Amino acid sequence: MPKRILQGTVVSDQNAQTVTVLVERRFTHPVMKKTVRMSKRYRAHDANDQYKVGDKVRIIECAPYSKTKRWEVVTDQAEA
C-alpha cells in the first residue's frame, strides 16, 4: 500500500525536530450538498529544524518516531 502524502501549513515549531502541520480538506457534505472544510493537525519529524510557522510543507507517512509522531516532512512547497 502506498504511503500517503499530505500538504499543509506549519502552525507550531516549538519542539526540537518536530513541527505541527495543519492539513485542511474540503468535501461535499452527503446530505446538505454543501462544501465543508475540515482540518486536522499532524506532528511531523523535521530533522534539521528548518521549517518555521507559516511555511507550506508536504508530509509523508513513516514508521513512528515517538508516541505522537508518525509523519515526516518531505519538501517545502516553494522548493517543489
Protein backbone atom coordinates (compact mmCIF):
# COMPACT_ATOMS: atom_id res chain seq x y z
CA MET A 1 0.00 0.00 0.00
CA PRO A 2 1.47 3.40 -0.95
CA LYS A 3 2.34 5.94 1.72
CA ARG A 4 0.01 8.92 1.98
CA ILE A 5 1.38 12.37 1.17
CA LEU A 6 -0.45 15.40 2.58
CA GLN A 7 0.21 19.11 2.29
CA GLY A 8 -0.45 21.77 4.88
CA THR A 9 0.83 24.73 6.84
CA VAL A 10 3.23 24.66 9.79
CA VAL A 11 1.41 26.05 12.84
CA SER A 12 3.99 25.25 15.53
CA ASP A 13 7.75 24.66 15.62
CA GLN A 14 8.42 24.93 19.36
CA ASN A 15 9.59 21.35 19.88
CA ALA A 16 13.01 20.01 18.90
CA GLN A 17 12.95 18.26 15.48
CA THR A 18 9.15 18.42 15.39
CA VAL A 19 6.64 20.62 13.59
CA THR A 20 2.86 20.64 13.85
CA VAL A 21 1.21 20.77 10.42
CA LEU A 22 -2.40 21.83 9.87
CA VAL A 23 -3.90 19.91 6.93
CA GLU A 24 -7.22 21.15 5.57
CA ARG A 25 -9.52 19.10 3.37
CA ARG A 26 -12.67 20.08 1.51
CA PHE A 27 -15.52 17.79 0.58
CA THR A 28 -19.20 17.94 -0.29
CA HIS A 29 -21.49 17.02 2.59
CA PRO A 30 -23.55 13.94 1.59
CA VAL A 31 -26.88 15.30 2.89
CA MET A 32 -26.58 19.09 2.71
CA LYS A 33 -24.69 19.09 -0.62
CA LYS A 34 -22.60 21.94 0.75
CA THR A 35 -18.80 22.25 0.60
CA VAL A 36 -17.40 21.65 4.08
CA ARG A 37 -13.89 22.42 5.31
CA MET A 38 -12.33 20.19 7.95
CA SER A 39 -8.84 20.40 9.34
CA LYS A 40 -6.55 18.17 11.34
CA ARG A 41 -3.15 18.67 12.96
CA TYR A 42 -0.33 16.21 12.41
CA ARG A 43 3.01 16.16 14.21
CA ALA A 44 5.85 15.59 11.77
CA HIS A 45 9.59 14.97 12.07
CA ASP A 46 11.82 17.85 10.95
CA ALA A 47 15.41 16.63 11.44
CA ASN A 48 17.15 19.96 10.74
CA ASP A 49 14.62 22.32 12.39
CA GLN A 50 14.46 24.25 9.13
CA TYR A 51 10.69 24.83 8.84
CA LYS A 52 9.04 27.77 10.62
CA VAL A 53 5.46 28.83 11.36
CA GLY A 54 3.60 29.71 8.16
CA ASP A 55 5.67 27.51 5.81
CA LYS A 56 3.75 25.33 3.35
CA VAL A 57 5.10 21.76 3.55
CA ARG A 58 4.38 18.23 2.39
CA ILE A 59 4.41 15.35 4.86
CA ILE A 60 4.58 11.59 4.26
CA GLU A 61 3.67 8.62 6.42
CA CYS A 62 6.58 6.84 8.10
CA ALA A 63 7.43 4.49 10.93
CA PRO A 64 6.73 6.00 14.36
CA TYR A 65 9.38 8.39 15.72
CA SER A 66 7.54 8.76 19.04
CA LYS A 67 4.13 8.32 20.66
CA THR A 68 2.53 11.05 18.52
CA LYS A 69 4.93 11.44 15.55
CA ARG A 70 4.14 9.22 12.55
CA TRP A 71 4.80 11.69 9.73
CA GLU A 72 7.94 13.16 8.21
CA VAL A 73 8.40 16.47 6.35
CA VAL A 74 9.37 15.77 2.74
CA THR A 75 9.67 19.11 0.96
CA ASP A 76 8.82 22.77 1.15
CA GLN A 77 6.13 23.95 -1.32
CA ALA A 78 8.48 26.70 -2.53
CA GLU A 79 11.12 24.07 -3.41
CA ALA A 80 8.67 21.85 -5.30
